[in-house]
Amino acid sequence: MSVEIVESEAMRQRPDAPAPDAVLKFAPKDNKPPRDDDPTEQSGRAVVALLQQAAHHTNETCDRAMALAHKLSVQLRSAEDQIQQLRGQVEHFQNRANRAEEWLQVIRKEIEERLLTSRGPSRPDQSLAQ
């Protein structure tokens, strides 16, 4: 591969050097400039124009996709932060609910020990019904 590059550089430096036979085989037979009304020239220009247009649209599409991906990435990070905050709040309120439940058990036990036992064992059903 490096030999071809060296030959190419050498040919650029010496414009009077003869072209290789493989290149000459595909060279146009006459040295006339291409005509604008030639269908081959028109087709070639049209293909090149379409390729340039496709490349331009591809770049625009890629830019829009990158901008959208960045926007969605920022939104995702924000949502993840919010989820973490909500998880912290859920844990906080679960702890508060557990403590409240424990206090209710303590209060219930106090009520049973102090109020229900002070009335005596003869009427525990009536005190619960009230």
C-alpha atoms as a PDB file:
ATOM      1  CA  MET A   1       0.000   0.000   0.000  1.00  0.00           C
ATOM      2  CA  SER A   2       2.807   2.435   0.809  1.00  0.00           C
ATOM      3  CA  VAL A   3       4.324   1.893  -2.662  1.00  0.00           C
ATOM      4  CA  GLU A   4       1.181   3.237  -4.323  1.00  0.00           C
ATOM      5  CA  ILE A   5       1.261   6.318  -2.123  1.00  0.00           C
ATOM      6  CA  VAL A   6       4.928   6.905  -2.960  1.00  0.00           C
ATOM      7  CA  GLU A   7       4.253   6.510  -6.693  1.00  0.00           C
ATOM      8  CA  SER A   8       1.316   8.865  -6.454  1.00  0.00           C
ATOM      9  CA  GLU A   9       3.425  11.475  -4.660  1.00  0.00           C
ATOM     10  CA  ALA A  10       6.197  11.032  -7.182  1.00  0.00           C
ATOM     11  CA  MET A  11       3.775  11.516 -10.058  1.00  0.00           C
ATOM     12  CA  ARG A  12       2.466  14.727  -8.521  1.00  0.00           C
ATOM     13  CA  GLN A  13       5.978  16.032  -8.224  1.00  0.00           C
ATOM     14  CA  ARG A  14       6.817  15.119 -11.866  1.00  0.00           C
ATOM     15  CA  PRO A  15       3.883  16.032 -14.101  1.00  0.00           C
ATOM     16  CA  ASP A  16       5.852  14.960 -17.181  1.00  0.00           C
ATOM     17  CA  ALA A  17       6.023  11.341 -15.943  1.00  0.00           C
ATOM     18  CA  PRO A  18       4.047   8.902 -18.094  1.00  0.00           C
ATOM     19  CA  ALA A  19       0.755   7.549 -16.651  1.00  0.00           C
ATOM     20  CA  PRO A  20       0.571   3.803 -15.940  1.00  0.00           C
ATOM     21  CA  ASP A  21      -1.079   1.625 -18.586  1.00  0.00           C
ATOM     22  CA  ALA A  22      -4.025   0.795 -16.271  1.00  0.00           C
ATOM     23  CA  VAL A  23      -4.884   4.497 -16.023  1.00  0.00           C
ATOM     24  CA  LEU A  24      -4.493   5.111 -19.726  1.00  0.00           C
ATOM     25  CA  LYS A  25      -6.915   2.300 -20.535  1.00  0.00           C
ATOM     26  CA  PHE A  26      -9.775   4.267 -18.898  1.00  0.00           C
ATOM     27  CA  ALA A  27      -8.767   7.726 -20.050  1.00  0.00           C
ATOM     28  CA  PRO A  28     -11.081   9.454 -22.535  1.00  0.00           C
ATOM     29  CA  LYS A  29     -10.012   8.963 -26.144  1.00  0.00           C
ATOM     30  CA  ASP A  30     -10.418  12.611 -27.055  1.00  0.00           C
ATOM     31  CA  ASN A  31      -9.284  15.602 -25.049  1.00  0.00           C
ATOM     32  CA  LYS A  32     -12.430  17.636 -25.649  1.00  0.00           C
ATOM     33  CA  PRO A  33     -14.024  19.253 -22.587  1.00  0.00           C
ATOM     34  CA  PRO A  34     -17.284  17.594 -21.493  1.00  0.00           C
ATOM     35  CA  ARG A  35     -20.435  19.061 -22.978  1.00  0.00           C
ATOM     36  CA  ASP A  36     -23.146  20.368 -20.689  1.00  0.00           C
ATOM     37  CA  ASP A  37     -25.871  18.626 -22.684  1.00  0.00           C
ATOM     38  CA  ASP A  38     -24.163  15.235 -22.443  1.00  0.00           C
ATOM     39  CA  PRO A  39     -26.520  12.828 -20.556  1.00  0.00           C
ATOM     40  CA  THR A  40     -23.579  11.151 -18.822  1.00  0.00           C
ATOM     41  CA  GLU A  41     -22.331  14.489 -17.504  1.00  0.00           C
ATOM     42  CA  GLN A  42     -25.834  15.469 -16.418  1.00  0.00           C
ATOM     43  CA  SER A  43     -26.352  12.123 -14.679  1.00  0.00           C
ATOM     44  CA  GLY A  44     -22.972  12.355 -12.976  1.00  0.00           C
ATOM     45  CA  ARG A  45     -23.683  15.864 -11.720  1.00  0.00           C
ATOM     46  CA  ALA A  46     -27.145  14.805 -10.547  1.00  0.00           C
ATOM     47  CA  VAL A  47     -25.721  11.836  -8.641  1.00  0.00           C
ATOM     48  CA  VAL A  48     -23.069  14.023  -7.008  1.00  0.00           C
ATOM     49  CA  ALA A  49     -25.724  16.627  -6.102  1.00  0.00           C
ATOM     50  CA  LEU A  50     -27.939  13.924  -4.589  1.00  0.00           C
ATOM     51  CA  LEU A  51     -25.008  12.539  -2.604  1.00  0.00           C
ATOM     52  CA  GLN A  52     -24.206  16.012  -1.277  1.00  0.00           C
ATOM     53  CA  GLN A  53     -27.849  16.562  -0.390  1.00  0.00           C
ATOM     54  CA  ALA A  54     -28.021  13.175   1.341  1.00  0.00           C
ATOM     55  CA  ALA A  55     -24.857  13.959   3.283  1.00  0.00           C
ATOM     56  CA  HIS A  56     -26.314  17.331   4.311  1.00  0.00           C
ATOM     57  CA  HIS A  57     -29.596  15.730   5.443  1.00  0.00           C
ATOM     58  CA  THR A  58     -27.687  12.993   7.240  1.00  0.00           C
ATOM     59  CA  ASN A  59     -25.665  15.605   9.130  1.00  0.00           C
ATOM     60  CA  GLU A  60     -28.833  17.525  10.038  1.00  0.00           C
ATOM     61  CA  THR A  61     -30.557  14.334  11.158  1.00  0.00           C
ATOM     62  CA  CYS A  62     -27.518  13.315  13.172  1.00  0.00           C
ATOM     63  CA  ASP A  63     -27.360  16.758  14.801  1.00  0.00           C
ATOM     64  CA  ARG A  64     -31.058  16.615  15.688  1.00  0.00           C
ATOM     65  CA  ALA A  65     -30.674  13.093  17.043  1.00  0.00           C
ATOM     66  CA  MET A  66     -27.697  14.147  19.157  1.00  0.00           C
ATOM     67  CA  ALA A  67     -29.596  17.176  20.503  1.00  0.00           C
ATOM     68  CA  LEU A  68     -32.604  15.004  21.322  1.00  0.00           C
ATOM     69  CA  ALA A  69     -30.392  12.381  22.967  1.00  0.00           C
ATOM     70  CA  HIS A  70     -28.769  15.084  25.100  1.00  0.00           C
ATOM     71  CA  LYS A  71     -32.151  16.530  26.083  1.00  0.00           C
ATOM     72  CA  LEU A  72     -33.454  13.074  27.009  1.00  0.00           C
ATOM     73  CA  SER A  73     -30.272  12.345  28.955  1.00  0.00           C
ATOM     74  CA  VAL A  74     -30.753  15.513  31.009  1.00  0.00           C
ATOM     75  CA  GLN A  75     -34.397  14.605  31.629  1.00  0.00           C
ATOM     76  CA  LEU A  76     -33.399  11.079  32.653  1.00  0.00           C
ATOM     77  CA  ARG A  77     -30.865  12.406  35.166  1.00  0.00           C
ATOM     78  CA  SER A  78     -33.489  14.754  36.563  1.00  0.00           C
ATOM     79  CA  ALA A  79     -35.994  11.906  36.872  1.00  0.00           C
ATOM     80  CA  GLU A  80     -33.390   9.721  38.594  1.00  0.00           C
ATOM     81  CA  ASP A  81     -32.668  12.517  41.086  1.00  0.00           C
ATOM     82  CA  GLN A  82     -36.365  12.947  41.753  1.00  0.00           C
ATOM     83  CA  ILE A  83     -36.764   9.186  42.260  1.00  0.00           C
ATOM     84  CA  GLN A  84     -33.951   9.241  44.814  1.00  0.00           C
ATOM     85  CA  GLN A  85     -35.631  12.123  46.669  1.00  0.00           C
ATOM     86  CA  LEU A  86     -38.975  10.319  46.648  1.00  0.00           C
ATOM     87  CA  ARG A  87     -37.363   7.124  47.934  1.00  0.00           C
ATOM     88  CA  GLY A  88     -35.905   9.113  50.801  1.00  0.00           C
ATOM     89  CA  GLN A  89     -39.316  10.572  51.583  1.00  0.00           C
ATOM     90  CA  VAL A  90     -40.955   7.143  51.446  1.00  0.00           C
ATOM     91  CA  GLU A  91     -38.376   5.788  53.881  1.00  0.00           C
ATOM     92  CA  HIS A  92     -38.906   8.784  56.188  1.00  0.00           C
ATOM     93  CA  PHE A  93     -42.692   8.341  56.255  1.00  0.00           C
ATOM     94  CA  GLN A  94     -42.415   4.567  56.671  1.00  0.00           C
ATOM     95  CA  ASN A  95     -40.240   5.142  59.728  1.00  0.00           C
ATOM     96  CA  ARG A  96     -42.757   7.636  61.092  1.00  0.00           C
ATOM     97  CA  ALA A  97     -45.622   5.175  60.505  1.00  0.00           C
ATOM     98  CA  ASN A  98     -43.690   2.406  62.267  1.00  0.00           C
ATOM     99  CA  ARG A  99     -42.982   4.669  65.252  1.00  0.00           C
ATOM    100  CA  ALA A 100     -46.646   5.731  65.386  1.00  0.00           C
ATOM    101  CA  GLU A 101     -47.692   2.087  65.332  1.00  0.00           C
ATOM    102  CA  GLU A 102     -45.324   1.306  68.177  1.00  0.00           C
ATOM    103  CA  TRP A 103     -46.768   4.214  70.184  1.00  0.00           C
ATOM    104  CA  LEU A 104     -50.292   2.961  69.538  1.00  0.00           C
ATOM    105  CA  GLN A 105     -49.284  -0.422  70.908  1.00  0.00           C
ATOM    106  CA  VAL A 106     -47.821   1.240  74.024  1.00  0.00           C
ATOM    107  CA  ILE A 107     -50.985   3.324  74.482  1.00  0.00           C
ATOM    108  CA  ARG A 108     -53.211   0.262  74.021  1.00  0.00           C
ATOM    109  CA  LYS A 109     -51.203  -1.661  76.563  1.00  0.00           C
ATOM    110  CA  GLU A 110     -51.443   1.249  79.054  1.00  0.00           C
ATOM    111  CA  ILE A 111     -55.199   1.463  78.535  1.00  0.00           C
ATOM    112  CA  GLU A 112     -55.622  -2.251  79.059  1.00  0.00           C
ATOM    113  CA  GLU A 113     -53.439  -2.277  82.154  1.00  0.00           C
ATOM    114  CA  ARG A 114     -54.771   0.846  83.853  1.00  0.00           C
ATOM    115  CA  LEU A 115     -58.375   1.211  82.806  1.00  0.00           C
ATOM    116  CA  LEU A 116     -59.569  -2.308  82.205  1.00  0.00           C
ATOM    117  CA  THR A 117     -57.878  -3.891  85.201  1.00  0.00           C
ATOM    118  CA  SER A 118     -59.025  -1.115  87.554  1.00  0.00           C
ATOM    119  CA  ARG A 119     -62.705  -1.900  86.859  1.00  0.00           C
ATOM    120  CA  GLY A 120     -62.186  -5.492  87.723  1.00  0.00           C
ATOM    121  CA  PRO A 121     -62.554  -8.748  85.868  1.00  0.00           C
ATOM    122  CA  SER A 122     -66.335  -8.865  86.206  1.00  0.00           C
ATOM    123  CA  ARG A 123     -67.214  -6.482  83.387  1.00  0.00           C
ATOM    124  CA  PRO A 124     -64.392  -6.380  80.750  1.00  0.00           C
ATOM    125  CA  ASP A 125     -66.797  -6.972  77.860  1.00  0.00           C
ATOM    126  CA  GLN A 126     -68.929  -3.955  78.696  1.00  0.00           C
ATOM    127  CA  SER A 127     -65.944  -1.601  78.843  1.00  0.00           C
ATOM    128  CA  LEU A 128     -64.786  -2.653  75.389  1.00  0.00           C
ATOM    129  CA  ALA A 129     -68.260  -2.174  73.901  1.00  0.00           C
ATOM    130  CA  GLN A 130     -68.464   1.455  75.022  1.00  0.00           C
END
